[in-house]
Protein backbone atom coordinates (compact mmCIF):
# COMPACT_ATOMS: atom_id res chain seq x y z
CA UNK A 1 -4.62 11.52 -12.07
CA UNK A 2 -2.74 9.32 -14.37
CA UNK A 3 0.43 9.99 -15.06
CA UNK A 4 1.77 11.13 -18.98
CA UNK A 5 4.31 9.08 -19.74
CA UNK A 6 4.34 10.58 -23.34
CA UNK A 7 5.37 13.84 -21.98
CA UNK A 8 9.39 14.27 -22.51
CA UNK A 9 9.42 16.92 -19.73
CA UNK A 10 8.74 13.67 -17.41
CA UNK A 11 11.62 11.41 -18.72
CA UNK A 12 14.20 14.33 -18.85
CA UNK A 13 12.62 14.85 -15.01
CA UNK A 14 12.90 11.60 -13.53
CA UNK A 15 16.36 11.04 -15.23
CA UNK A 16 17.55 14.41 -13.70
CA UNK A 17 16.18 12.75 -10.36
CA UNK A 18 18.17 9.24 -10.65
CA UNK A 19 21.48 11.43 -11.64
CA UNK A 20 21.29 13.75 -8.92
CA UNK A 21 20.26 10.32 -6.33
CA UNK A 22 23.21 8.36 -8.18
CA UNK A 23 25.74 11.28 -7.69
CA UNK A 24 25.28 10.74 -3.34
CA UNK A 25 26.49 7.16 -3.64
CA UNK A 26 29.65 6.10 -2.96
CA UNK A 27 30.49 3.32 -5.22
CA UNK A 28 33.25 0.77 -5.48
CA UNK A 29 34.28 -1.97 -8.05
CA UNK A 30 35.61 -5.68 -7.48
CA UNK A 31 37.11 -7.24 -10.39
CA UNK A 32 36.79 -4.39 -12.89
CA UNK A 33 40.05 -4.13 -14.14
CA UNK A 34 40.24 -7.26 -15.59
CA UNK A 35 36.78 -6.51 -16.87
CA UNK A 36 37.64 -3.39 -18.54
CA UNK A 37 40.65 -4.97 -20.37
CA UNK A 38 38.75 -7.60 -21.73
CA UNK A 39 36.12 -4.72 -23.17
CA UNK A 40 38.63 -2.46 -24.74
CA UNK A 41 39.69 -6.26 -26.82
CA UNK A 42 36.09 -7.88 -27.17
CA UNK A 43 32.37 -7.32 -26.96
CA UNK A 44 30.68 -8.74 -23.88
CA UNK A 45 27.20 -9.48 -22.33
CA UNK A 46 26.79 -8.23 -18.82
CA UNK A 47 24.20 -10.33 -16.58
CA UNK A 48 22.45 -8.52 -14.07
CA UNK A 49 19.52 -9.41 -11.89
CA UNK A 50 16.34 -6.85 -12.39
CA UNK A 51 16.31 -5.54 -8.54
CA UNK A 52 19.77 -4.33 -8.67
CA UNK A 53 19.74 -2.24 -11.72
CA UNK A 54 19.67 1.17 -10.41
CA UNK A 55 23.43 1.60 -9.36
CA UNK A 56 24.63 0.27 -12.36
CA UNK A 57 22.58 2.09 -14.92
CA UNK A 58 24.45 5.65 -13.29
CA UNK A 59 27.49 3.66 -12.88
CA UNK A 60 27.64 2.72 -16.75
CA UNK A 61 26.16 5.96 -18.09
CA UNK A 62 27.50 7.12 -21.55
CA UNK A 63 29.30 4.12 -22.50
CA UNK A 64 26.31 2.92 -25.44
CA UNK A 65 25.71 0.01 -23.95
CA UNK A 66 22.89 -2.30 -25.72
CA UNK A 67 20.10 -2.95 -23.56
CA UNK A 68 17.00 -4.96 -24.20
CA UNK A 69 13.80 -3.15 -23.53
CA UNK A 70 10.05 -4.37 -23.13
CA UNK A 71 7.50 -2.64 -25.51
CA UNK A 72 5.38 -2.53 -21.85
CA UNK A 73 4.37 0.87 -20.44
CA UNK A 74 6.77 -0.07 -17.92
CA UNK A 75 9.66 -0.43 -20.24
CA UNK A 76 8.76 2.86 -22.30
CA UNK A 77 9.71 4.69 -18.72
CA UNK A 78 13.03 3.16 -18.04
CA UNK A 79 14.13 2.83 -21.63
CA UNK A 80 13.15 6.65 -22.02
CA UNK A 81 15.54 7.23 -18.92
CA UNK A 82 17.83 4.85 -20.07
CA UNK A 83 18.59 6.40 -23.25
CA UNK A 84 19.11 9.82 -21.50
CA UNK A 85 22.23 8.38 -19.85
CA UNK A 86 23.88 7.08 -23.11
CA UNK A 87 22.53 3.70 -23.58
CA UNK A 88 21.62 2.00 -26.99
CA UNK A 89 18.39 0.07 -27.09
CA UNK A 90 16.50 -3.05 -28.69
CA UNK A 91 13.01 -2.81 -28.27
CA UNK A 92 11.72 -6.13 -27.15
CA UNK A 93 12.10 -8.82 -23.74
CA UNK A 94 11.62 -12.90 -23.25
CA UNK A 95 7.93 -12.67 -23.15
CA UNK A 96 7.11 -9.87 -26.35
CA UNK A 97 9.00 -10.11 -29.24
CA UNK A 98 11.78 -11.47 -27.33
CA UNK A 99 13.43 -13.04 -30.64
CA UNK A 100 13.65 -9.94 -32.24
CA UNK A 101 15.02 -7.63 -29.65
CA UNK A 102 18.13 -10.68 -29.34
CA UNK A 103 18.73 -9.74 -33.49
CA UNK A 104 18.71 -6.54 -32.77
CA UNK A 105 21.19 -6.35 -29.89
CA UNK A 106 23.44 -9.35 -31.48
CA UNK A 107 22.95 -7.06 -35.04
CA UNK A 108 24.40 -3.93 -32.82
CA UNK A 109 27.30 -5.85 -30.75
CA UNK A 110 28.43 -6.73 -34.72
CA UNK A 111 28.38 -4.16 -36.54
CA UNK A 112 28.94 -1.39 -33.58
CA UNK A 113 31.02 -3.17 -31.48
CA UNK A 114 29.07 -2.53 -28.20
CA UNK A 115 28.35 -4.50 -25.28
CA UNK A 116 25.50 -5.57 -24.36
CA UNK A 117 23.47 -5.80 -20.76
CA UNK A 118 20.53 -8.10 -19.88
CA UNK A 119 18.35 -8.26 -16.98
CA UNK A 120 18.40 -12.15 -16.56
CA UNK A 121 15.18 -13.14 -14.73
CA UNK A 122 13.35 -9.61 -16.17
CA UNK A 123 10.74 -8.51 -17.10
CA UNK A 124 8.41 -10.14 -14.98
CA UNK A 125 10.34 -13.45 -13.49
CA UNK A 126 10.86 -15.28 -11.19
CA UNK A 127 13.11 -13.14 -9.14
CA UNK A 128 16.98 -14.63 -9.98
CA UNK A 129 15.98 -17.01 -12.23
CA UNK A 130 18.05 -16.69 -15.50
CA UNK A 131 15.81 -16.20 -18.94
CA UNK A 132 17.82 -18.34 -21.77
CA UNK A 133 18.10 -15.60 -23.88
CA UNK A 134 21.40 -14.68 -22.37
CA UNK A 135 23.19 -18.19 -23.31
CA UNK A 136 21.48 -17.93 -26.87
CA UNK A 137 22.90 -14.84 -27.45
CA UNK A 138 26.56 -15.68 -25.83
CA UNK A 139 26.70 -18.93 -27.50
CA UNK A 140 25.87 -17.38 -31.19
CA UNK A 141 28.27 -14.33 -30.82
CA UNK A 142 30.74 -15.95 -29.15
CA UNK A 143 31.10 -12.77 -26.77
CA UNK A 144 32.11 -13.58 -23.14
CA UNK A 145 29.38 -13.38 -19.91
CA UNK A 146 30.05 -11.41 -17.44
CA UNK A 147 27.90 -12.36 -14.12
CA UNK A 148 27.10 -8.66 -11.95
CA UNK A 149 25.92 -7.96 -8.98
CA UNK A 150 25.52 -5.02 -6.42
CA UNK A 151 25.77 -5.02 -2.79
CA UNK A 152 24.09 -1.36 -1.05
CA UNK A 153 24.86 -1.06 2.57
CA UNK A 154 21.80 0.87 3.22
CA UNK A 155 18.40 0.49 0.62
CA UNK A 156 15.09 0.80 0.70
CA UNK A 157 13.76 -3.24 -0.61
CA UNK A 158 10.45 -2.87 -2.40
CA UNK A 159 7.52 -5.36 -2.51
CA UNK A 160 7.32 -6.38 -6.12
CA UNK A 161 8.23 -8.88 -7.77
CA UNK A 162 11.88 -8.64 -7.93
CA UNK A 163 12.48 -6.89 -4.61
CA UNK A 164 13.91 -3.70 -6.12
CA UNK A 165 16.70 -2.25 -4.38
CA UNK A 166 16.95 1.44 -4.27
CA UNK A 167 20.14 2.38 -2.50
CA UNK A 168 19.45 5.31 0.44
CA UNK A 169 21.24 8.86 -0.18
CA UNK A 170 25.33 8.68 0.36
CA UNK A 171 25.14 4.80 0.79
CA UNK A 172 27.89 2.55 -0.27
CA UNK A 173 27.60 0.53 -3.61
CA UNK A 174 30.19 -2.27 -4.12
CA UNK A 175 29.67 -3.91 -7.49
CA UNK A 176 31.00 -7.46 -7.89
CA UNK A 177 32.03 -8.47 -11.42
CA UNK A 178 32.40 -12.19 -11.77
CA UNK A 179 35.04 -14.24 -13.79
CA UNK A 180 34.11 -13.34 -17.39
CA UNK A 181 33.31 -16.47 -19.26
CA UNK A 182 32.19 -18.31 -22.88
CA UNK A 183 29.61 -21.45 -23.58
CA UNK A 184 30.47 -23.20 -26.53
CA UNK A 185 29.16 -22.52 -29.79
CA UNK A 186 25.63 -24.10 -31.55
CA UNK A 187 24.14 -25.10 -28.14
CA UNK A 188 21.10 -27.45 -28.18
CA UNK A 189 17.82 -26.47 -26.42
CA UNK A 190 18.79 -28.63 -23.10
CA UNK A 191 22.83 -27.13 -23.22
CA UNK A 192 21.43 -23.60 -23.35
CA UNK A 193 19.17 -24.73 -20.22
CA UNK A 194 21.77 -26.22 -18.66
CA UNK A 195 24.15 -23.40 -18.79
CA UNK A 196 21.40 -21.15 -18.14
CA UNK A 197 20.78 -22.71 -14.42
CA UNK A 198 24.72 -22.36 -14.27
CA UNK A 199 24.74 -18.78 -14.75
CA UNK A 200 22.30 -18.37 -12.48
CA UNK A 201 24.56 -19.88 -9.98
CA UNK A 202 27.33 -17.82 -10.67
CA UNK A 203 24.84 -14.71 -10.30
CA UNK A 204 24.38 -16.02 -6.70
CA UNK A 205 27.69 -16.80 -5.51
CA UNK A 206 29.02 -13.23 -6.04
CA UNK A 207 26.90 -12.16 -2.88
């Protein structure tokens, strides 16, 4: 039987499941005081890998962070859950209507002073290879980029393109925030590609 993802009760049930599962996790954060102080002064852009998103959704709930969500079937499911967890949504992705989503996220950051989060290797990979959209937005907005990774003590790793990781109940989730940094304004296409590769190195160096 095909699951009807247009049913609001399905979304609410999945969100409740996520909340209950996440409540059991033992979170710790590395370098977060510096990040928190910066967030009080400037909007920031979080850079994360797609496969590590689960613990971060609950940890940063109700902070009105803007997240780019694709208009695919999977994106709709994720977006409905994130909206119920207190995130703002900018519709689009790196492969479909991406520029529109970038502009919407930029508008929300500027108008409402909201932070933004990018799953930099989404929505379809390759795994741990960032797309240039985050650098483009950071260059235009002059916002700080904050790389972040999650180390899970015990987890289920799925055989999906992103090797999606679901921490076991009551396992430890250690969130490591990298040093915030800015990229120059008005970058050329070649410079954006170079900065995108540098971001990959920064993310991989955290774990």
